Structure formats: C-alpha cells, structure tokens
PDB file of all heavy atoms in Angstrom:
ATOM      1  N   MET A   1       0.833  -1.181   0.000  1.00  0.00           N
ATOM      2  CA  MET A   1       0.000   0.000   0.000  1.00  0.00           C
ATOM      3  C   MET A   1       0.879   1.246   0.000  1.00  0.00           C
ATOM      4  O   MET A   1       1.965   1.249   0.556  1.00  0.00           O
ATOM      5  CB  MET A   1      -0.911  -0.011   1.223  1.00  0.00           C
ATOM      6  CG  MET A   1      -1.964  -1.084   1.145  1.00  0.00           C
ATOM      7  SD  MET A   1      -3.159  -1.180   2.483  1.00  0.00           S
ATOM      8  CE  MET A   1      -3.011   0.295   3.372  1.00  0.00           C
ATOM      9  N   ALA A   2       0.357   2.255  -0.597  1.00  0.00           N
ATOM     10  CA  ALA A   2       1.082   3.520  -0.635  1.00  0.00           C
ATOM     11  C   ALA A   2       1.050   4.166   0.744  1.00  0.00           C
ATOM     12  O   ALA A   2       0.153   3.920   1.551  1.00  0.00           O
ATOM     13  CB  ALA A   2       0.457   4.453  -1.671  1.00  0.00           C
ATOM     14  N   GLU A   3       2.046   4.995   0.986  1.00  0.00           N
ATOM     15  CA  GLU A   3       2.116   5.687   2.274  1.00  0.00           C
ATOM     16  C   GLU A   3       0.845   6.502   2.507  1.00  0.00           C
ATOM     17  O   GLU A   3       0.347   7.176   1.611  1.00  0.00           O
ATOM     18  CB  GLU A   3       3.328   6.611   2.289  1.00  0.00           C
ATOM     19  CG  GLU A   3       3.575   7.238   3.631  1.00  0.00           C
ATOM     20  CD  GLU A   3       4.854   8.060   3.661  1.00  0.00           C
ATOM     21  OE1 GLU A   3       5.780   7.742   2.915  1.00  0.00           O
ATOM     22  OE2 GLU A   3       4.891   9.017   4.443  1.00  0.00           O
ATOM     23  N   GLY A   4       0.297   6.395   3.696  1.00  0.00           N
ATOM     24  CA  GLY A   4      -0.902   7.126   4.059  1.00  0.00           C
ATOM     25  C   GLY A   4      -2.195   6.386   3.781  1.00  0.00           C
ATOM     26  O   GLY A   4      -3.253   6.802   4.235  1.00  0.00           O
ATOM     27  N   GLN A   5      -2.132   5.277   3.035  1.00  0.00           N
ATOM     28  CA  GLN A   5      -3.335   4.496   2.781  1.00  0.00           C
ATOM     29  C   GLN A   5      -3.608   3.562   3.949  1.00  0.00           C
ATOM     30  O   GLN A   5      -2.685   3.141   4.645  1.00  0.00           O
ATOM     31  CB  GLN A   5      -3.188   3.656   1.516  1.00  0.00           C
ATOM     32  CG  GLN A   5      -3.294   4.437   0.247  1.00  0.00           C
ATOM     33  CD  GLN A   5      -3.292   3.513  -0.961  1.00  0.00           C
ATOM     34  OE1 GLN A   5      -2.575   2.519  -0.992  1.00  0.00           O
ATOM     35  NE2 GLN A   5      -4.102   3.845  -1.951  1.00  0.00           N
ATOM     36  N   ARG A   6      -4.878   3.259   4.151  1.00  0.00           N
ATOM     37  CA  ARG A   6      -5.276   2.328   5.206  1.00  0.00           C
ATOM     38  C   ARG A   6      -5.863   1.080   4.574  1.00  0.00           C
ATOM     39  O   ARG A   6      -6.548   1.157   3.555  1.00  0.00           O
ATOM     40  CB  ARG A   6      -6.321   2.966   6.118  1.00  0.00           C
ATOM     41  CG  ARG A   6      -5.761   4.142   6.905  1.00  0.00           C
ATOM     42  CD  ARG A   6      -6.774   4.704   7.840  1.00  0.00           C
ATOM     43  NE  ARG A   6      -7.207   3.642   8.755  1.00  0.00           N
ATOM     44  CZ  ARG A   6      -8.204   3.761   9.585  1.00  0.00           C
ATOM     45  NH1 ARG A   6      -8.900   4.874   9.621  1.00  0.00           N
ATOM     46  NH2 ARG A   6      -8.531   2.786  10.403  1.00  0.00           N
ATOM     47  N   ALA A   7      -5.616  -0.036   5.208  1.00  0.00           N
ATOM     48  CA  ALA A   7      -6.186  -1.292   4.733  1.00  0.00           C
ATOM     49  C   ALA A   7      -7.685  -1.311   4.990  1.00  0.00           C
ATOM     50  O   ALA A   7      -8.175  -0.694   5.935  1.00  0.00           O
ATOM     51  CB  ALA A   7      -5.516  -2.463   5.439  1.00  0.00           C
ATOM     52  N   LEU A   8      -8.410  -2.000   4.140  1.00  0.00           N
ATOM     53  CA  LEU A   8      -9.835  -2.188   4.329  1.00  0.00           C
ATOM     54  C   LEU A   8     -10.033  -3.269   5.380  1.00  0.00           C
ATOM     55  O   LEU A   8      -9.494  -4.364   5.266  1.00  0.00           O
ATOM     56  CB  LEU A   8     -10.491  -2.620   3.010  1.00  0.00           C
ATOM     57  CG  LEU A   8     -11.957  -3.033   3.080  1.00  0.00           C
ATOM     58  CD1 LEU A   8     -12.828  -1.844   3.481  1.00  0.00           C
ATOM     59  CD2 LEU A   8     -12.394  -3.604   1.749  1.00  0.00           C
ATOM     60  N   ALA A   9     -10.769  -2.977   6.415  1.00  0.00           N
ATOM     61  CA  ALA A   9     -11.058  -3.956   7.463  1.00  0.00           C
ATOM     62  C   ALA A   9     -12.485  -4.446   7.285  1.00  0.00           C
ATOM     63  O   ALA A   9     -13.415  -3.655   7.155  1.00  0.00           O
ATOM     64  CB  ALA A   9     -10.895  -3.328   8.840  1.00  0.00           C
ATOM     65  N   VAL A  10     -12.632  -5.762   7.269  1.00  0.00           N
ATOM     66  CA  VAL A  10     -13.938  -6.385   7.134  1.00  0.00           C
ATOM     67  C   VAL A  10     -14.125  -7.316   8.316  1.00  0.00           C
ATOM     68  O   VAL A  10     -13.263  -8.130   8.619  1.00  0.00           O
ATOM     69  CB  VAL A  10     -14.036  -7.175   5.808  1.00  0.00           C
ATOM     70  CG1 VAL A  10     -15.390  -7.826   5.672  1.00  0.00           C
ATOM     71  CG2 VAL A  10     -13.758  -6.263   4.625  1.00  0.00           C
ATOM     72  N   TYR A  11     -15.247  -7.197   8.989  1.00  0.00           N
ATOM     73  CA  TYR A  11     -15.526  -7.995  10.177  1.00  0.00           C
ATOM     74  C   TYR A  11     -16.526  -9.099   9.857  1.00  0.00           C
ATOM     75  O   TYR A  11     -17.404  -8.923   9.013  1.00  0.00           O
ATOM     76  CB  TYR A  11     -16.133  -7.116  11.279  1.00  0.00           C
ATOM     77  CG  TYR A  11     -15.225  -6.046  11.787  1.00  0.00           C
ATOM     78  CD1 TYR A  11     -15.244  -4.771  11.243  1.00  0.00           C
ATOM     79  CD2 TYR A  11     -14.340  -6.302  12.830  1.00  0.00           C
ATOM     80  CE1 TYR A  11     -14.410  -3.774  11.722  1.00  0.00           C
ATOM     81  CE2 TYR A  11     -13.501  -5.316  13.311  1.00  0.00           C
ATOM     82  CZ  TYR A  11     -13.546  -4.057  12.751  1.00  0.00           C
ATOM     83  OH  TYR A  11     -12.720  -3.074  13.226  1.00  0.00           O
ATOM     84  N   ALA A  12     -16.421 -10.214  10.584  1.00  0.00           N
ATOM     85  CA  ALA A  12     -17.489 -11.201  10.560  1.00  0.00           C
ATOM     86  C   ALA A  12     -18.742 -10.508  11.078  1.00  0.00           C
ATOM     87  O   ALA A  12     -18.662  -9.623  11.930  1.00  0.00           O
ATOM     88  CB  ALA A  12     -17.122 -12.393  11.446  1.00  0.00           C
ATOM     89  N   ASP A  13     -19.912 -10.888  10.563  1.00  0.00           N
ATOM     90  CA  ASP A  13     -21.159 -10.220  10.968  1.00  0.00           C
ATOM     91  C   ASP A  13     -21.275 -10.094  12.475  1.00  0.00           C
ATOM     92  O   ASP A  13     -21.612  -9.043  13.000  1.00  0.00           O
ATOM     93  CB  ASP A  13     -22.371 -10.985  10.439  1.00  0.00           C
ATOM     94  CG  ASP A  13     -22.594 -10.782   8.961  1.00  0.00           C
ATOM     95  OD1 ASP A  13     -22.062  -9.810   8.399  1.00  0.00           O
ATOM     96  OD2 ASP A  13     -23.311 -11.602   8.370  1.00  0.00           O
ATOM     97  N   GLU A  14     -20.988 -11.171  13.182  1.00  0.00           N
ATOM     98  CA  GLU A  14     -21.170 -11.191  14.631  1.00  0.00           C
ATOM     99  C   GLU A  14     -20.074 -10.436  15.381  1.00  0.00           C
ATOM    100  O   GLU A  14     -20.207 -10.160  16.566  1.00  0.00           O
ATOM    101  CB  GLU A  14     -21.207 -12.636  15.128  1.00  0.00           C
ATOM    102  CG  GLU A  14     -22.354 -13.441  14.548  1.00  0.00           C
ATOM    103  CD  GLU A  14     -22.044 -14.016  13.160  1.00  0.00           C
ATOM    104  OE1 GLU A  14     -20.927 -13.807  12.629  1.00  0.00           O
ATOM    105  OE2 GLU A  14     -22.929 -14.671  12.609  1.00  0.00           O
ATOM    106  N   CYS A  15     -18.979 -10.110  14.707  1.00  0.00           N
ATOM    107  CA  CYS A  15     -17.835  -9.479  15.371  1.00  0.00           C
ATOM    108  C   CYS A  15     -17.652  -8.020  14.986  1.00  0.00           C
ATOM    109  O   CYS A  15     -16.630  -7.419  15.310  1.00  0.00           O
ATOM    110  CB  CYS A  15     -16.559 -10.259  15.042  1.00  0.00           C
ATOM    111  SG  CYS A  15     -16.594 -11.955  15.629  1.00  0.00           S
ATOM    112  N   ASP A  16     -18.609  -7.454  14.322  1.00  0.00           N
ATOM    113  CA  ASP A  16     -18.504  -6.063  13.878  1.00  0.00           C
ATOM    114  C   ASP A  16     -18.844  -5.129  15.037  1.00  0.00           C
ATOM    115  O   ASP A  16     -19.967  -5.127  15.540  1.00  0.00           O
ATOM    116  CB  ASP A  16     -19.457  -5.817  12.712  1.00  0.00           C
ATOM    117  CG  ASP A  16     -19.264  -4.465  12.071  1.00  0.00           C
ATOM    118  OD1 ASP A  16     -18.671  -3.560  12.698  1.00  0.00           O
ATOM    119  OD2 ASP A  16     -19.713  -4.311  10.924  1.00  0.00           O
ATOM    120  N   PRO A  17     -17.888  -4.313  15.484  1.00  0.00           N
ATOM    121  CA  PRO A  17     -18.154  -3.426  16.613  1.00  0.00           C
ATOM    122  C   PRO A  17     -19.226  -2.368  16.324  1.00  0.00           C
ATOM    123  O   PRO A  17     -19.813  -1.817  17.249  1.00  0.00           O
ATOM    124  CB  PRO A  17     -16.800  -2.770  16.893  1.00  0.00           C
ATOM    125  CG  PRO A  17     -15.966  -3.016  15.697  1.00  0.00           C
ATOM    126  CD  PRO A  17     -16.524  -4.208  14.995  1.00  0.00           C
ATOM    127  N   LYS A  18     -19.522  -2.126  15.053  1.00  0.00           N
ATOM    128  CA  LYS A  18     -20.556  -1.135  14.721  1.00  0.00           C
ATOM    129  C   LYS A  18     -21.965  -1.698  14.840  1.00  0.00           C
ATOM    130  O   LYS A  18     -22.919  -0.936  14.972  1.00  0.00           O
ATOM    131  CB  LYS A  18     -20.342  -0.622  13.297  1.00  0.00           C
ATOM    132  CG  LYS A  18     -19.075   0.179  13.130  1.00  0.00           C
ATOM    133  CD  LYS A  18     -18.899   0.625  11.702  1.00  0.00           C
ATOM    134  CE  LYS A  18     -17.571   1.336  11.538  1.00  0.00           C
ATOM    135  NZ  LYS A  18     -17.252   1.571  10.141  1.00  0.00           N
ATOM    136  N   THR A  19     -22.101  -3.034  14.776  1.00  0.00           N
ATOM    137  CA  THR A  19     -23.439  -3.618  14.768  1.00  0.00           C
ATOM    138  C   THR A  19     -23.721  -4.564  15.931  1.00  0.00           C
ATOM    139  O   THR A  19     -24.864  -4.933  16.156  1.00  0.00           O
ATOM    140  CB  THR A  19     -23.690  -4.385  13.457  1.00  0.00           C
ATOM    141  OG1 THR A  19     -22.711  -5.426  13.338  1.00  0.00           O
ATOM    142  CG2 THR A  19     -23.617  -3.449  12.261  1.00  0.00           C
ATOM    143  N   ASN A  20     -22.699  -4.970  16.665  1.00  0.00           N
ATOM    144  CA  ASN A  20     -22.895  -5.908  17.765  1.00  0.00           C
ATOM    145  C   ASN A  20     -22.201  -5.398  19.021  1.00  0.00           C
ATOM    146  O   ASN A  20     -20.972  -5.398  19.095  1.00  0.00           O
ATOM    147  CB  ASN A  20     -22.347  -7.294  17.392  1.00  0.00           C
ATOM    148  CG  ASN A  20     -22.603  -8.330  18.463  1.00  0.00           C
ATOM    149  OD1 ASN A  20     -23.151  -8.043  19.529  1.00  0.00           O
ATOM    150  ND2 ASN A  20     -22.192  -9.553  18.183  1.00  0.00           N
ATOM    151  N   PRO A  21     -22.960  -4.976  20.024  1.00  0.00           N
ATOM    152  CA  PRO A  21     -22.340  -4.462  21.242  1.00  0.00           C
ATOM    153  C   PRO A  21     -21.530  -5.521  21.996  1.00  0.00           C
ATOM    154  O   PRO A  21     -20.646  -5.187  22.775  1.00  0.00           O
ATOM    155  CB  PRO A  21     -23.516  -3.966  22.085  1.00  0.00           C
ATOM    156  CG  PRO A  21     -24.738  -4.485  21.445  1.00  0.00           C
ATOM    157  CD  PRO A  21     -24.406  -4.889  20.049  1.00  0.00           C
ATOM    158  N   ASP A  22     -21.792  -6.788  21.732  1.00  0.00           N
ATOM    159  CA  ASP A  22     -21.038  -7.877  22.370  1.00  0.00           C
ATOM    160  C   ASP A  22     -19.972  -8.450  21.446  1.00  0.00           C
ATOM    161  O   ASP A  22     -19.543  -9.592  21.589  1.00  0.00           O
ATOM    162  CB  ASP A  22     -21.992  -9.002  22.794  1.00  0.00           C
ATOM    163  CG  ASP A  22     -22.914  -8.571  23.918  1.00  0.00           C
ATOM    164  OD1 ASP A  22     -22.469  -7.782  24.780  1.00  0.00           O
ATOM    165  OD2 ASP A  22     -24.070  -9.009  23.920  1.00  0.00           O
ATOM    166  N   HIS A  23     -19.524  -7.670  20.460  1.00  0.00           N
ATOM    167  CA  HIS A  23     -18.587  -8.178  19.460  1.00  0.00           C
ATOM    168  C   HIS A  23     -17.314  -8.757  20.068  1.00  0.00           C
ATOM    169  O   HIS A  23     -16.822  -9.782  19.627  1.00  0.00           O
ATOM    170  CB  HIS A  23     -18.231  -7.079  18.453  1.00  0.00           C
ATOM    171  CG  HIS A  23     -17.411  -5.972  19.039  1.00  0.00           C
ATOM    172  ND1 HIS A  23     -17.973  -4.938  19.744  1.00  0.00           N
ATOM    173  CD2 HIS A  23     -16.073  -5.750  19.035  1.00  0.00           C
ATOM    174  CE1 HIS A  23     -17.026  -4.118  20.145  1.00  0.00           C
ATOM    175  NE2 HIS A  23     -15.861  -4.587  19.732  1.00  0.00           N
ATOM    176  N   TRP A  24     -16.761  -8.116  21.086  1.00  0.00           N
ATOM    177  CA  TRP A  24     -15.498  -8.574  21.662  1.00  0.00           C
ATOM    178  C   TRP A  24     -15.667  -9.939  22.318  1.00  0.00           C
ATOM    179  O   TRP A  24     -14.853 -10.840  22.120  1.00  0.00           O
ATOM    180  CB  TRP A  24     -14.971  -7.556  22.681  1.00  0.00           C
ATOM    181  CG  TRP A  24     -13.594  -7.860  23.134  1.00  0.00           C
ATOM    182  CD1 TRP A  24     -12.427  -7.501  22.517  1.00  0.00           C
ATOM    183  CD2 TRP A  24     -13.212  -8.605  24.304  1.00  0.00           C
ATOM    184  NE1 TRP A  24     -11.355  -7.969  23.224  1.00  0.00           N
ATOM    185  CE2 TRP A  24     -11.809  -8.662  24.336  1.00  0.00           C
ATOM    186  CE3 TRP A  24     -13.929  -9.224  25.318  1.00  0.00           C
ATOM    187  CZ2 TRP A  24     -11.109  -9.309  25.336  1.00  0.00           C
ATOM    188  CZ3 TRP A  24     -13.227  -9.881  26.321  1.00  0.00           C
ATOM    189  CH2 TRP A  24     -11.831  -9.903  26.317  1.00  0.00           C
ATOM    190  N   HIS A  25     -16.727 -10.118  23.072  1.00  0.00           N
ATOM    191  CA  HIS A  25     -16.971 -11.400  23.744  1.00  0.00           C
ATOM    192  C   HIS A  25     -17.244 -12.512  22.737  1.00  0.00           C
ATOM    193  O   HIS A  25     -16.768 -13.638  22.883  1.00  0.00           O
ATOM    194  CB  HIS A  25     -18.130 -11.272  24.746  1.00  0.00           C
ATOM    195  CG  HIS A  25     -17.841 -10.285  25.822  1.00  0.00           C
ATOM    196  ND1 HIS A  25     -16.913 -10.509  26.815  1.00  0.00           N
ATOM    197  CD2 HIS A  25     -18.339  -9.055  26.046  1.00  0.00           C
ATOM    198  CE1 HIS A  25     -16.851  -9.452  27.607  1.00  0.00           C
ATOM    199  NE2 HIS A  25     -17.702  -8.557  27.162  1.00  0.00           N
ATOM    200  N   TYR A  26     -18.009 -12.204  21.698  1.00  0.00           N
ATOM    201  CA  TYR A  26     -18.288 -13.191  20.661  1.00  0.00           C
ATOM    202  C   TYR A  26     -17.006 -13.614  19.962  1.00  0.00           C
ATOM    203  O   TYR A  26     -16.744 -14.796  19.767  1.00  0.00           O
ATOM    204  CB  TYR A  26     -19.280 -12.615  19.648  1.00  0.00           C
ATOM    205  CG  TYR A  26     -19.754 -13.638  18.653  1.00  0.00           C
ATOM    206  CD1 TYR A  26     -20.917 -14.355  18.876  1.00  0.00           C
ATOM    207  CD2 TYR A  26     -19.031 -13.903  17.503  1.00  0.00           C
ATOM    208  CE1 TYR A  26     -21.356 -15.305  17.972  1.00  0.00           C
ATOM    209  CE2 TYR A  26     -19.455 -14.858  16.598  1.00  0.00           C
ATOM    210  CZ  TYR A  26     -20.618 -15.555  16.842  1.00  0.00           C
ATOM    211  OH  TYR A  26     -21.027 -16.503  15.948  1.00  0.00           O
ATOM    212  N   LYS A  27     -16.201 -12.650  19.612  1.00  0.00           N
ATOM    213  CA  LYS A  27     -14.935 -12.930  18.931  1.00  0.00           C
ATOM    214  C   LYS A  27     -14.047 -13.810  19.789  1.00  0.00           C
ATOM    215  O   LYS A  27     -13.477 -14.789  19.326  1.00  0.00           O
ATOM    216  CB  LYS A  27     -14.244 -11.622  18.563  1.00  0.00           C
ATOM    217  CG  LYS A  27     -12.999 -11.810  17.755  1.00  0.00           C
ATOM    218  CD  LYS A  27     -11.836 -11.543  18.698  1.00  0.00           C
ATOM    219  CE  LYS A  27     -10.536 -11.775  18.020  1.00  0.00           C
ATOM    220  NZ  LYS A  27      -9.724 -12.775  18.676  1.00  0.00           N
TER     221      LYS A  27
END
C-alpha cells in the first residue's frame, strides 16, 4: 500500500463493533 493508505477492514457479521455491542466477547 502507498504511504498514508489504510487497509480495508472487514468484520465477521457477529464481530462487527458497529453492529454488535457484544462483538469482543463473541470474537
């Protein structure tokens, strides 16, 4: 990746911190 670019992060449905408040425990 070029300097300053960020990798795309994709979460498992159940482990997405934006959609599952218990994502950390599930993971």
